[in-house]
Amino acid sequence: MAAGDIETFHRDGIWFNRIEGESQTLGDGFAAEAEAAKVGREAAVARQVQHSVRSEEGPSADAPGEDPHPRDLYPRGS
């Protein structure tokens, strides 16, 4: 992940989002991974950066890893 990308992560039973390279989380924590990941994806799209999901141990087994970068989904001139 590059600085500025959004990361959804798990700590002590709570899911959070943060900007890579920063220590503070974005907003409040979430009880459910799906809800936190949705908010993280939306923040990544708004910032035009990548999004990833990981647990304390590493990437989530049921998450696809990194979402496609918004610039890859909507290239200029399309």
C-alpha atoms as a PDB file:
ATOM      1  CA  MET A   1       0.000   0.000   0.000  1.00  0.00           C
ATOM      2  CA  ALA A   2       1.131   3.518  -0.706  1.00  0.00           C
ATOM      3  CA  ALA A   3       0.886   6.451   1.653  1.00  0.00           C
ATOM      4  CA  GLY A   4      -2.605   7.904   1.390  1.00  0.00           C
ATOM      5  CA  ASP A   5      -4.348   4.608   0.550  1.00  0.00           C
ATOM      6  CA  ILE A   6      -7.216   3.511   2.807  1.00  0.00           C
ATOM      7  CA  GLU A   7      -6.849   0.425   4.998  1.00  0.00           C
ATOM      8  CA  THR A   8      -9.640  -1.391   6.840  1.00  0.00           C
ATOM      9  CA  PHE A   9      -8.239  -3.321   9.793  1.00  0.00           C
ATOM     10  CA  HIS A  10      -9.287  -5.244  12.899  1.00  0.00           C
ATOM     11  CA  ARG A  11      -8.122  -4.543  16.435  1.00  0.00           C
ATOM     12  CA  ASP A  12      -9.506  -6.005  19.665  1.00  0.00           C
ATOM     13  CA  GLY A  13     -12.836  -7.032  18.144  1.00  0.00           C
ATOM     14  CA  ILE A  14     -13.482  -3.720  16.381  1.00  0.00           C
ATOM     15  CA  TRP A  15     -12.998  -2.800  12.703  1.00  0.00           C
ATOM     16  CA  PHE A  16     -11.468   0.563  11.754  1.00  0.00           C
ATOM     17  CA  ASN A  17     -10.385   2.532   8.697  1.00  0.00           C
ATOM     18  CA  ARG A  18      -7.280   4.665   8.420  1.00  0.00           C
ATOM     19  CA  ILE A  19      -5.181   6.450   5.847  1.00  0.00           C
ATOM     20  CA  GLU A  20      -1.933   4.570   5.226  1.00  0.00           C
ATOM     21  CA  GLY A  21       0.928   6.413   6.859  1.00  0.00           C
ATOM     22  CA  GLU A  22      -1.268   8.028   9.532  1.00  0.00           C
ATOM     23  CA  SER A  23      -1.903   6.714  13.032  1.00  0.00           C
ATOM     24  CA  GLN A  24      -5.406   8.107  13.575  1.00  0.00           C
ATOM     25  CA  THR A  25      -8.454   6.213  12.388  1.00  0.00           C
ATOM     26  CA  LEU A  26     -11.150   7.667  10.149  1.00  0.00           C
ATOM     27  CA  GLY A  27     -14.280   8.074  12.239  1.00  0.00           C
ATOM     28  CA  ASP A  28     -15.599   5.532  14.711  1.00  0.00           C
ATOM     29  CA  GLY A  29     -15.026   1.791  14.837  1.00  0.00           C
ATOM     30  CA  PHE A  30     -17.422  -0.825  13.430  1.00  0.00           C
ATOM     31  CA  ALA A  31     -18.666  -4.095  14.879  1.00  0.00           C
ATOM     32  CA  ALA A  32     -18.857  -5.755  11.439  1.00  0.00           C
ATOM     33  CA  GLU A  33     -16.091  -6.107   8.856  1.00  0.00           C
ATOM     34  CA  ALA A  34     -18.529  -5.609   5.973  1.00  0.00           C
ATOM     35  CA  GLU A  35     -19.715  -2.249   7.278  1.00  0.00           C
ATOM     36  CA  ALA A  36     -16.173  -0.990   7.906  1.00  0.00           C
ATOM     37  CA  ALA A  37     -15.013  -2.201   4.475  1.00  0.00           C
ATOM     38  CA  LYS A  38     -17.939  -0.439   2.759  1.00  0.00           C
ATOM     39  CA  VAL A  39     -17.045   2.859   4.415  1.00  0.00           C
ATOM     40  CA  GLY A  40     -13.353   2.299   3.629  1.00  0.00           C
ATOM     41  CA  ARG A  41     -14.120   1.616  -0.053  1.00  0.00           C
ATOM     42  CA  GLU A  42     -16.259   4.753  -0.260  1.00  0.00           C
ATOM     43  CA  ALA A  43     -13.463   6.835   1.289  1.00  0.00           C
ATOM     44  CA  ALA A  44     -10.944   5.347  -1.160  1.00  0.00           C
ATOM     45  CA  VAL A  45     -13.151   6.123  -4.164  1.00  0.00           C
ATOM     46  CA  ALA A  46     -13.689   9.683  -2.930  1.00  0.00           C
ATOM     47  CA  ARG A  47      -9.909  10.151  -2.530  1.00  0.00           C
ATOM     48  CA  GLN A  48      -9.092   8.184  -5.713  1.00  0.00           C
ATOM     49  CA  VAL A  49      -6.750   5.818  -3.856  1.00  0.00           C
ATOM     50  CA  GLN A  50      -6.618   2.067  -3.253  1.00  0.00           C
ATOM     51  CA  HIS A  51      -8.412   0.228  -0.473  1.00  0.00           C
ATOM     52  CA  SER A  52      -7.365  -2.943   1.341  1.00  0.00           C
ATOM     53  CA  VAL A  53      -8.760  -5.049   4.190  1.00  0.00           C
ATOM     54  CA  ARG A  54      -6.617  -6.847   6.757  1.00  0.00           C
ATOM     55  CA  SER A  55      -6.979  -8.412  10.172  1.00  0.00           C
ATOM     56  CA  GLU A  56      -4.433  -8.215  13.001  1.00  0.00           C
ATOM     57  CA  GLU A  57      -2.725 -11.249  11.489  1.00  0.00           C
ATOM     58  CA  GLY A  58      -2.691 -10.039   7.878  1.00  0.00           C
ATOM     59  CA  PRO A  59      -5.072  -9.894   4.908  1.00  0.00           C
ATOM     60  CA  SER A  60      -8.585 -11.191   5.520  1.00  0.00           C
ATOM     61  CA  ALA A  61      -9.090 -14.679   4.082  1.00  0.00           C
ATOM     62  CA  ASP A  62     -12.566 -13.858   2.770  1.00  0.00           C
ATOM     63  CA  ALA A  63     -11.764 -10.382   1.474  1.00  0.00           C
ATOM     64  CA  PRO A  64     -10.425  -9.967  -2.043  1.00  0.00           C
ATOM     65  CA  GLY A  65      -7.420  -8.006  -0.784  1.00  0.00           C
ATOM     66  CA  GLU A  66      -7.060  -4.732  -2.604  1.00  0.00           C
ATOM     67  CA  ASP A  67      -9.893  -3.204  -4.545  1.00  0.00           C
ATOM     68  CA  PRO A  68      -9.091  -1.932  -8.031  1.00  0.00           C
ATOM     69  CA  HIS A  69      -7.851   1.637  -8.050  1.00  0.00           C
ATOM     70  CA  PRO A  70     -10.668   4.030  -9.101  1.00  0.00           C
ATOM     71  CA  ARG A  71      -8.467   5.412 -11.898  1.00  0.00           C
ATOM     72  CA  ASP A  72      -8.300   1.874 -13.330  1.00  0.00           C
ATOM     73  CA  LEU A  73     -12.094   1.533 -13.237  1.00  0.00           C
ATOM     74  CA  TYR A  74     -12.811   4.831 -14.956  1.00  0.00           C
ATOM     75  CA  PRO A  75      -9.900   5.724 -17.251  1.00  0.00           C
ATOM     76  CA  ARG A  76      -9.884   9.183 -18.772  1.00  0.00           C
ATOM     77  CA  GLY A  77     -11.420   9.507 -22.193  1.00  0.00           C
ATOM     78  CA  SER A  78     -13.963   6.695 -21.667  1.00  0.00           C
END
